[in-house]
């Protein structure tokens, strides 16, 4: 078995769920179950965040012009059904069923075409970044799979490949820093260290650092949180795994 991990980062206006999550940077959505046939797709998703974020996420799923998982840049004519299974102050669970049309495209359907039957999917969606983990059989046309995704997303999203490996082997993550961080996250972390953000007492706060880097304060804070979270998880994974080897997501 092989494992693929990649991230789609959506431009504004291209994906209703991504736009909603961008308005609520601390909210996130992860898939609990995801399955596809040539004609349909169904999934269960768990969203967490503030009550306001969950209200907006539910509204995005229920009122979008077309299904959020479709990679088409406009309404492709698909029909969908979304049902709320649970909604509390801090939890939202949604069931979605999608009947596709010939003009529809999605990651699971492109995987079905190029990676074959039996692929397993796990997704995590936060801010505009939609990360996919796909487990599939060996000896499949992975290049055609990624080319199919690139053709489908067009200018609506950028794709970053994070991992290509055998499931049973230690994982190898690509990235600007060799630790699986995006280039923006690595740059934010390096600047924070260079300017004394992590010293005690701090020599610079987030607002001052953002001004020096000429990026919005909220953007820099988000990049630092993501980088810190990623490195912390890698550290604990190494401590837990045999001989300190990193584990899969």
C-alpha atoms as a PDB file:
ATOM      1  CA  UNK A   1       0.000   0.000   0.000  1.00  0.00           C
ATOM      2  CA  UNK A   2       1.074   3.573  -0.717  1.00  0.00           C
ATOM      3  CA  UNK A   3       0.260   6.797   1.081  1.00  0.00           C
ATOM      4  CA  UNK A   4      -0.207  10.205  -0.568  1.00  0.00           C
ATOM      5  CA  UNK A   5      -0.599  13.419   1.428  1.00  0.00           C
ATOM      6  CA  UNK A   6      -1.222  16.726  -0.319  1.00  0.00           C
ATOM      7  CA  UNK A   7      -2.852  20.082   0.371  1.00  0.00           C
ATOM      8  CA  UNK A   8      -5.103  22.250  -1.777  1.00  0.00           C
ATOM      9  CA  UNK A   9      -4.992  25.922  -0.785  1.00  0.00           C
ATOM     10  CA  UNK A  10      -8.058  27.680  -2.212  1.00  0.00           C
ATOM     11  CA  UNK A  11      -8.223  31.202  -3.550  1.00  0.00           C
ATOM     12  CA  UNK A  12     -10.993  33.441  -2.221  1.00  0.00           C
ATOM     13  CA  UNK A  13     -14.348  32.877  -3.889  1.00  0.00           C
ATOM     14  CA  UNK A  14     -13.549  29.395  -5.218  1.00  0.00           C
ATOM     15  CA  UNK A  15     -14.854  27.207  -2.388  1.00  0.00           C
ATOM     16  CA  UNK A  16     -17.654  28.201  -0.028  1.00  0.00           C
ATOM     17  CA  UNK A  17     -16.386  26.076   2.853  1.00  0.00           C
ATOM     18  CA  UNK A  18     -12.820  27.391   2.489  1.00  0.00           C
ATOM     19  CA  UNK A  19     -14.148  30.958   2.468  1.00  0.00           C
ATOM     20  CA  UNK A  20     -16.111  30.265   5.643  1.00  0.00           C
ATOM     21  CA  UNK A  21     -13.139  28.680   7.402  1.00  0.00           C
ATOM     22  CA  UNK A  22     -10.961  31.643   6.402  1.00  0.00           C
ATOM     23  CA  UNK A  23     -13.394  33.830   8.365  1.00  0.00           C
ATOM     24  CA  UNK A  24     -12.944  31.534  11.393  1.00  0.00           C
ATOM     25  CA  UNK A  25      -9.205  30.593  11.513  1.00  0.00           C
ATOM     26  CA  UNK A  26      -9.548  28.431  14.649  1.00  0.00           C
ATOM     27  CA  UNK A  27     -12.331  26.253  13.207  1.00  0.00           C
ATOM     28  CA  UNK A  28     -11.566  23.016  11.408  1.00  0.00           C
ATOM     29  CA  UNK A  29     -13.301  20.122   9.665  1.00  0.00           C
ATOM     30  CA  UNK A  30     -12.123  16.506   9.473  1.00  0.00           C
ATOM     31  CA  UNK A  31     -13.699  13.605   7.661  1.00  0.00           C
ATOM     32  CA  UNK A  32     -15.002  10.686   9.693  1.00  0.00           C
ATOM     33  CA  UNK A  33     -15.930   8.627   6.638  1.00  0.00           C
ATOM     34  CA  UNK A  34     -15.580   9.178   2.885  1.00  0.00           C
ATOM     35  CA  UNK A  35     -16.555   6.865   0.018  1.00  0.00           C
ATOM     36  CA  UNK A  36     -17.062   7.241  -3.725  1.00  0.00           C
ATOM     37  CA  UNK A  37     -18.369   5.324  -6.720  1.00  0.00           C
ATOM     38  CA  UNK A  38     -18.203   6.456 -10.341  1.00  0.00           C
ATOM     39  CA  UNK A  39     -21.636   8.126  -9.998  1.00  0.00           C
ATOM     40  CA  UNK A  40     -21.721   9.357  -6.409  1.00  0.00           C
ATOM     41  CA  UNK A  41     -19.868  10.385  -3.274  1.00  0.00           C
ATOM     42  CA  UNK A  42     -20.923  10.266   0.363  1.00  0.00           C
ATOM     43  CA  UNK A  43     -19.143  11.361   3.508  1.00  0.00           C
ATOM     44  CA  UNK A  44     -19.494  12.241   7.188  1.00  0.00           C
ATOM     45  CA  UNK A  45     -17.591  15.272   8.505  1.00  0.00           C
ATOM     46  CA  UNK A  46     -16.873  16.561  12.012  1.00  0.00           C
ATOM     47  CA  UNK A  47     -16.445  20.316  12.450  1.00  0.00           C
ATOM     48  CA  UNK A  48     -15.165  22.039  15.584  1.00  0.00           C
ATOM     49  CA  UNK A  49     -15.006  25.713  16.482  1.00  0.00           C
ATOM     50  CA  UNK A  50     -16.948  28.488  18.142  1.00  0.00           C
ATOM     51  CA  UNK A  51     -20.760  28.450  18.007  1.00  0.00           C
ATOM     52  CA  UNK A  52     -20.630  31.255  15.423  1.00  0.00           C
ATOM     53  CA  UNK A  53     -18.160  29.322  13.264  1.00  0.00           C
ATOM     54  CA  UNK A  54     -20.279  26.170  13.362  1.00  0.00           C
ATOM     55  CA  UNK A  55     -23.388  28.124  12.346  1.00  0.00           C
ATOM     56  CA  UNK A  56     -21.538  29.546   9.346  1.00  0.00           C
ATOM     57  CA  UNK A  57     -20.048  26.152   8.384  1.00  0.00           C
ATOM     58  CA  UNK A  58     -23.479  24.510   8.505  1.00  0.00           C
ATOM     59  CA  UNK A  59     -24.888  27.308   6.364  1.00  0.00           C
ATOM     60  CA  UNK A  60     -22.057  26.890   3.828  1.00  0.00           C
ATOM     61  CA  UNK A  61     -22.763  23.171   3.488  1.00  0.00           C
ATOM     62  CA  UNK A  62     -26.526  23.607   3.251  1.00  0.00           C
ATOM     63  CA  UNK A  63     -26.741  26.608   0.923  1.00  0.00           C
ATOM     64  CA  UNK A  64     -23.724  26.363  -1.418  1.00  0.00           C
ATOM     65  CA  UNK A  65     -24.569  26.572  -5.111  1.00  0.00           C
ATOM     66  CA  UNK A  66     -22.762  23.291  -5.677  1.00  0.00           C
ATOM     67  CA  UNK A  67     -21.175  20.595  -3.574  1.00  0.00           C
ATOM     68  CA  UNK A  68     -18.084  21.798  -1.709  1.00  0.00           C
ATOM     69  CA  UNK A  69     -15.997  18.761  -2.710  1.00  0.00           C
ATOM     70  CA  UNK A  70     -16.496  19.414  -6.418  1.00  0.00           C
ATOM     71  CA  UNK A  71     -13.363  20.810  -8.046  1.00  0.00           C
ATOM     72  CA  UNK A  72     -15.309  22.485 -10.844  1.00  0.00           C
ATOM     73  CA  UNK A  73     -14.953  26.265 -10.912  1.00  0.00           C
ATOM     74  CA  UNK A  74     -18.717  26.744 -11.308  1.00  0.00           C
ATOM     75  CA  UNK A  75     -22.003  24.907 -10.845  1.00  0.00           C
ATOM     76  CA  UNK A  76     -21.595  21.513 -12.552  1.00  0.00           C
ATOM     77  CA  UNK A  77     -25.228  20.468 -12.211  1.00  0.00           C
ATOM     78  CA  UNK A  78     -24.655  17.896  -9.496  1.00  0.00           C
ATOM     79  CA  UNK A  79     -27.342  17.210  -6.907  1.00  0.00           C
ATOM     80  CA  UNK A  80     -26.564  16.861  -3.240  1.00  0.00           C
ATOM     81  CA  UNK A  81     -28.198  16.099   0.072  1.00  0.00           C
ATOM     82  CA  UNK A  82     -26.712  17.311   3.353  1.00  0.00           C
ATOM     83  CA  UNK A  83     -28.085  16.304   6.738  1.00  0.00           C
ATOM     84  CA  UNK A  84     -27.045  17.582  10.156  1.00  0.00           C
ATOM     85  CA  UNK A  85     -26.428  14.580  12.418  1.00  0.00           C
ATOM     86  CA  UNK A  86     -25.323  16.565  15.472  1.00  0.00           C
ATOM     87  CA  UNK A  87     -24.981  20.242  16.325  1.00  0.00           C
ATOM     88  CA  UNK A  88     -23.892  21.434  19.781  1.00  0.00           C
ATOM     89  CA  UNK A  89     -22.044  24.547  20.951  1.00  0.00           C
ATOM     90  CA  UNK A  90     -18.669  23.092  19.929  1.00  0.00           C
ATOM     91  CA  UNK A  91     -19.417  20.181  17.581  1.00  0.00           C
ATOM     92  CA  UNK A  92     -21.064  19.827  14.190  1.00  0.00           C
ATOM     93  CA  UNK A  93     -21.435  16.480  12.386  1.00  0.00           C
ATOM     94  CA  UNK A  94     -22.694  16.490   8.792  1.00  0.00           C
ATOM     95  CA  UNK A  95     -23.683  13.725   6.363  1.00  0.00           C
ATOM     96  CA  UNK A  96     -23.456  14.584   2.661  1.00  0.00           C
ATOM     97  CA  UNK A  97     -24.475  12.598  -0.411  1.00  0.00           C
ATOM     98  CA  UNK A  98     -23.580  13.812  -3.912  1.00  0.00           C
ATOM     99  CA  UNK A  99     -24.810  12.591  -7.319  1.00  0.00           C
ATOM    100  CA  UNK A 100     -22.290  13.792  -9.898  1.00  0.00           C
ATOM    101  CA  UNK A 101     -22.638  14.727 -13.569  1.00  0.00           C
ATOM    102  CA  UNK A 102     -20.074  14.122 -16.376  1.00  0.00           C
ATOM    103  CA  UNK A 103     -18.671  17.642 -15.860  1.00  0.00           C
ATOM    104  CA  UNK A 104     -18.070  17.091 -12.127  1.00  0.00           C
ATOM    105  CA  UNK A 105     -14.642  16.309 -10.721  1.00  0.00           C
ATOM    106  CA  UNK A 106     -13.469  15.519  -7.204  1.00  0.00           C
ATOM    107  CA  UNK A 107     -10.358  14.110  -5.567  1.00  0.00           C
ATOM    108  CA  UNK A 108     -12.029  10.724  -4.841  1.00  0.00           C
ATOM    109  CA  UNK A 109     -13.316  10.417  -8.430  1.00  0.00           C
ATOM    110  CA  UNK A 110      -9.930  11.326  -9.915  1.00  0.00           C
ATOM    111  CA  UNK A 111      -8.410   8.753  -7.546  1.00  0.00           C
ATOM    112  CA  UNK A 112     -10.940   6.178  -8.712  1.00  0.00           C
ATOM    113  CA  UNK A 113      -9.858   6.802 -12.303  1.00  0.00           C
ATOM    114  CA  UNK A 114      -6.083   6.695 -11.772  1.00  0.00           C
ATOM    115  CA  UNK A 115      -5.522   4.827  -8.481  1.00  0.00           C
ATOM    116  CA  UNK A 116      -8.238   2.197  -8.842  1.00  0.00           C
ATOM    117  CA  UNK A 117     -10.853   0.797  -6.481  1.00  0.00           C
ATOM    118  CA  UNK A 118     -10.350   0.520  -2.750  1.00  0.00           C
ATOM    119  CA  UNK A 119      -8.580   3.809  -2.006  1.00  0.00           C
ATOM    120  CA  UNK A 120      -9.044   5.184   1.507  1.00  0.00           C
ATOM    121  CA  UNK A 121      -9.385   8.912   2.199  1.00  0.00           C
ATOM    122  CA  UNK A 122      -8.855  11.161   5.193  1.00  0.00           C
ATOM    123  CA  UNK A 123      -9.300  14.934   5.028  1.00  0.00           C
ATOM    124  CA  UNK A 124      -8.569  17.908   7.247  1.00  0.00           C
ATOM    125  CA  UNK A 125      -9.783  21.382   6.345  1.00  0.00           C
ATOM    126  CA  UNK A 126      -8.672  24.548   8.148  1.00  0.00           C
ATOM    127  CA  UNK A 127      -8.627  28.110   6.854  1.00  0.00           C
ATOM    128  CA  UNK A 128      -8.138  27.829   3.069  1.00  0.00           C
ATOM    129  CA  UNK A 129      -5.980  24.678   3.325  1.00  0.00           C
ATOM    130  CA  UNK A 130      -7.674  21.370   2.500  1.00  0.00           C
ATOM    131  CA  UNK A 131      -5.323  18.454   3.251  1.00  0.00           C
ATOM    132  CA  UNK A 132      -5.948  14.988   1.824  1.00  0.00           C
ATOM    133  CA  UNK A 133      -4.421  11.676   2.895  1.00  0.00           C
ATOM    134  CA  UNK A 134      -4.989   8.867   0.394  1.00  0.00           C
ATOM    135  CA  UNK A 135      -4.067   5.200   0.915  1.00  0.00           C
ATOM    136  CA  UNK A 136      -4.032   3.139  -2.297  1.00  0.00           C
ATOM    137  CA  UNK A 137      -2.545   0.052  -3.924  1.00  0.00           C
ATOM    138  CA  UNK A 138       0.984   0.144  -5.303  1.00  0.00           C
ATOM    139  CA  UNK A 139       1.852   0.309  -9.009  1.00  0.00           C
ATOM    140  CA  UNK A 140      -0.720   2.969  -9.867  1.00  0.00           C
ATOM    141  CA  UNK A 141      -0.360   6.076 -12.013  1.00  0.00           C
ATOM    142  CA  UNK A 142       0.253   8.653  -9.283  1.00  0.00           C
ATOM    143  CA  UNK A 143       1.539  11.251 -11.732  1.00  0.00           C
ATOM    144  CA  UNK A 144      -1.682  11.076 -13.753  1.00  0.00           C
ATOM    145  CA  UNK A 145      -3.652  11.403 -10.505  1.00  0.00           C
ATOM    146  CA  UNK A 146      -1.920  14.653  -9.563  1.00  0.00           C
ATOM    147  CA  UNK A 147      -2.117  15.938 -13.140  1.00  0.00           C
ATOM    148  CA  UNK A 148      -5.863  15.267 -13.088  1.00  0.00           C
ATOM    149  CA  UNK A 149      -6.254  17.290  -9.894  1.00  0.00           C
ATOM    150  CA  UNK A 150      -4.180  20.173 -11.270  1.00  0.00           C
ATOM    151  CA  UNK A 151      -6.279  20.251 -14.431  1.00  0.00           C
ATOM    152  CA  UNK A 152      -9.501  20.253 -12.420  1.00  0.00           C
ATOM    153  CA  UNK A 153      -8.577  22.994  -9.926  1.00  0.00           C
ATOM    154  CA  UNK A 154      -7.167  25.369 -12.542  1.00  0.00           C
ATOM    155  CA  UNK A 155      -6.445  28.749 -10.957  1.00  0.00           C
ATOM    156  CA  UNK A 156      -8.768  28.188  -7.998  1.00  0.00           C
ATOM    157  CA  UNK A 157      -6.209  26.478  -5.765  1.00  0.00           C
ATOM    158  CA  UNK A 158      -2.528  25.720  -5.345  1.00  0.00           C
ATOM    159  CA  UNK A 159      -1.469  22.143  -4.647  1.00  0.00           C
ATOM    160  CA  UNK A 160       1.414  21.129  -2.361  1.00  0.00           C
ATOM    161  CA  UNK A 161       2.544  17.518  -2.118  1.00  0.00           C
ATOM    162  CA  UNK A 162       3.477  16.634   1.449  1.00  0.00           C
ATOM    163  CA  UNK A 163       4.226  12.913   1.423  1.00  0.00           C
ATOM    164  CA  UNK A 164       4.622   9.963  -0.957  1.00  0.00           C
ATOM    165  CA  UNK A 165       5.609   6.768   0.805  1.00  0.00           C
ATOM    166  CA  UNK A 166       4.917   3.126   1.542  1.00  0.00           C
ATOM    167  CA  UNK A 167       2.453   2.932   4.420  1.00  0.00           C
ATOM    168  CA  UNK A 168       4.667   0.528   6.364  1.00  0.00           C
ATOM    169  CA  UNK A 169       7.822   2.622   5.947  1.00  0.00           C
ATOM    170  CA  UNK A 170       8.933   5.660   7.971  1.00  0.00           C
ATOM    171  CA  UNK A 171       7.333   8.708   6.426  1.00  0.00           C
ATOM    172  CA  UNK A 172       9.207  11.279   4.437  1.00  0.00           C
ATOM    173  CA  UNK A 173       7.722  14.761   4.285  1.00  0.00           C
ATOM    174  CA  UNK A 174       8.675  17.306   1.698  1.00  0.00           C
ATOM    175  CA  UNK A 175       8.672  21.016   2.341  1.00  0.00           C
ATOM    176  CA  UNK A 176      10.833  24.082   2.237  1.00  0.00           C
ATOM    177  CA  UNK A 177      12.376  23.186   5.576  1.00  0.00           C
ATOM    178  CA  UNK A 178      12.477  19.379   5.350  1.00  0.00           C
ATOM    179  CA  UNK A 179       9.971  19.159   8.206  1.00  0.00           C
ATOM    180  CA  UNK A 180       6.789  19.299   6.153  1.00  0.00           C
ATOM    181  CA  UNK A 181       6.113  23.012   6.730  1.00  0.00           C
ATOM    182  CA  UNK A 182       4.913  25.177   3.870  1.00  0.00           C
ATOM    183  CA  UNK A 183       7.315  27.831   2.620  1.00  0.00           C
ATOM    184  CA  UNK A 184       5.211  30.557   4.283  1.00  0.00           C
ATOM    185  CA  UNK A 185       5.147  28.727   7.610  1.00  0.00           C
ATOM    186  CA  UNK A 186       8.895  28.097   7.521  1.00  0.00           C
ATOM    187  CA  UNK A 187       9.593  31.744   6.697  1.00  0.00           C
ATOM    188  CA  UNK A 188       7.352  32.936   9.529  1.00  0.00           C
ATOM    189  CA  UNK A 189       9.066  30.608  12.011  1.00  0.00           C
ATOM    190  CA  UNK A 190      12.556  31.636  10.913  1.00  0.00           C
ATOM    191  CA  UNK A 191      11.668  35.333  11.182  1.00  0.00           C
ATOM    192  CA  UNK A 192      10.168  34.816  14.639  1.00  0.00           C
ATOM    193  CA  UNK A 193      13.378  33.198  15.858  1.00  0.00           C
ATOM    194  CA  UNK A 194      15.596  35.806  14.187  1.00  0.00           C
ATOM    195  CA  UNK A 195      13.732  38.767  15.693  1.00  0.00           C
ATOM    196  CA  UNK A 196      13.441  37.317  19.208  1.00  0.00           C
ATOM    197  CA  UNK A 197       9.779  36.374  19.295  1.00  0.00           C
ATOM    198  CA  UNK A 198      10.559  33.172  21.216  1.00  0.00           C
ATOM    199  CA  UNK A 199      12.977  34.745  23.697  1.00  0.00           C
ATOM    200  CA  UNK A 200      12.019  35.514  27.312  1.00  0.00           C
ATOM    201  CA  UNK A 201      11.055  38.297  27.554  1.00  0.00           C
ATOM    202  CA  UNK A 202      10.043  38.618  23.916  1.00  0.00           C
ATOM    203  CA  UNK A 203      11.907  41.216  21.876  1.00  0.00           C
ATOM    204  CA  UNK A 204       9.006  41.581  19.445  1.00  0.00           C
ATOM    205  CA  UNK A 205       5.280  40.760  19.474  1.00  0.00           C
ATOM    206  CA  UNK A 206       3.192  39.376  16.630  1.00  0.00           C
ATOM    207  CA  UNK A 207       2.019  42.774  15.500  1.00  0.00           C
ATOM    208  CA  UNK A 208       5.530  44.204  15.329  1.00  0.00           C
ATOM    209  CA  UNK A 209       6.833  41.113  13.542  1.00  0.00           C
ATOM    210  CA  UNK A 210       3.977  41.264  11.040  1.00  0.00           C
ATOM    211  CA  UNK A 211       4.856  44.892  10.313  1.00  0.00           C
ATOM    212  CA  UNK A 212       8.471  43.988   9.625  1.00  0.00           C
ATOM    213  CA  UNK A 213       7.405  41.183   7.283  1.00  0.00           C
ATOM    214  CA  UNK A 214       4.680  43.308   5.648  1.00  0.00           C
ATOM    215  CA  UNK A 215       1.940  40.707   6.163  1.00  0.00           C
ATOM    216  CA  UNK A 216      -1.367  41.015   8.054  1.00  0.00           C
ATOM    217  CA  UNK A 217      -1.098  40.274  11.771  1.00  0.00           C
ATOM    218  CA  UNK A 218      -3.784  37.567  11.585  1.00  0.00           C
ATOM    219  CA  UNK A 219      -1.972  35.846   8.699  1.00  0.00           C
ATOM    220  CA  UNK A 220       1.339  35.743  10.569  1.00  0.00           C
ATOM    221  CA  UNK A 221      -0.320  34.507  13.759  1.00  0.00           C
ATOM    222  CA  UNK A 222      -2.044  31.739  11.817  1.00  0.00           C
ATOM    223  CA  UNK A 223       1.191  30.644  10.096  1.00  0.00           C
ATOM    224  CA  UNK A 224       3.053  30.544  13.413  1.00  0.00           C
ATOM    225  CA  UNK A 225       0.279  28.512  15.069  1.00  0.00           C
ATOM    226  CA  UNK A 226       0.259  26.006  12.228  1.00  0.00           C
ATOM    227  CA  UNK A 227       4.053  25.690  12.254  1.00  0.00           C
ATOM    228  CA  UNK A 228       4.196  25.303  16.039  1.00  0.00           C
ATOM    229  CA  UNK A 229       1.385  22.742  16.025  1.00  0.00           C
ATOM    230  CA  UNK A 230       3.018  20.721  13.248  1.00  0.00           C
ATOM    231  CA  UNK A 231       6.433  20.632  14.915  1.00  0.00           C
ATOM    232  CA  UNK A 232       4.930  19.777  18.310  1.00  0.00           C
ATOM    233  CA  UNK A 233       3.022  16.845  16.818  1.00  0.00           C
ATOM    234  CA  UNK A 234       6.134  15.607  15.008  1.00  0.00           C
ATOM    235  CA  UNK A 235       8.089  15.773  18.273  1.00  0.00           C
ATOM    236  CA  UNK A 236       5.506  13.757  20.204  1.00  0.00           C
ATOM    237  CA  UNK A 237       5.169  11.258  17.336  1.00  0.00           C
ATOM    238  CA  UNK A 238       8.917  10.672  17.377  1.00  0.00           C
ATOM    239  CA  UNK A 239       8.883  10.159  21.140  1.00  0.00           C
ATOM    240  CA  UNK A 240       6.092   7.601  20.880  1.00  0.00           C
ATOM    241  CA  UNK A 241       7.296   5.666  17.825  1.00  0.00           C
ATOM    242  CA  UNK A 242      10.014   2.939  17.932  1.00  0.00           C
ATOM    243  CA  UNK A 243      13.577   4.332  17.912  1.00  0.00           C
ATOM    244  CA  UNK A 244      12.197   7.873  17.507  1.00  0.00           C
ATOM    245  CA  UNK A 245      11.094   7.381  13.863  1.00  0.00           C
ATOM    246  CA  UNK A 246       8.240   9.680  12.773  1.00  0.00           C
ATOM    247  CA  UNK A 247       4.832   8.104  12.356  1.00  0.00           C
ATOM    248  CA  UNK A 248       2.138   8.755   9.781  1.00  0.00           C
ATOM    249  CA  UNK A 249      -0.633  11.268  10.296  1.00  0.00           C
END
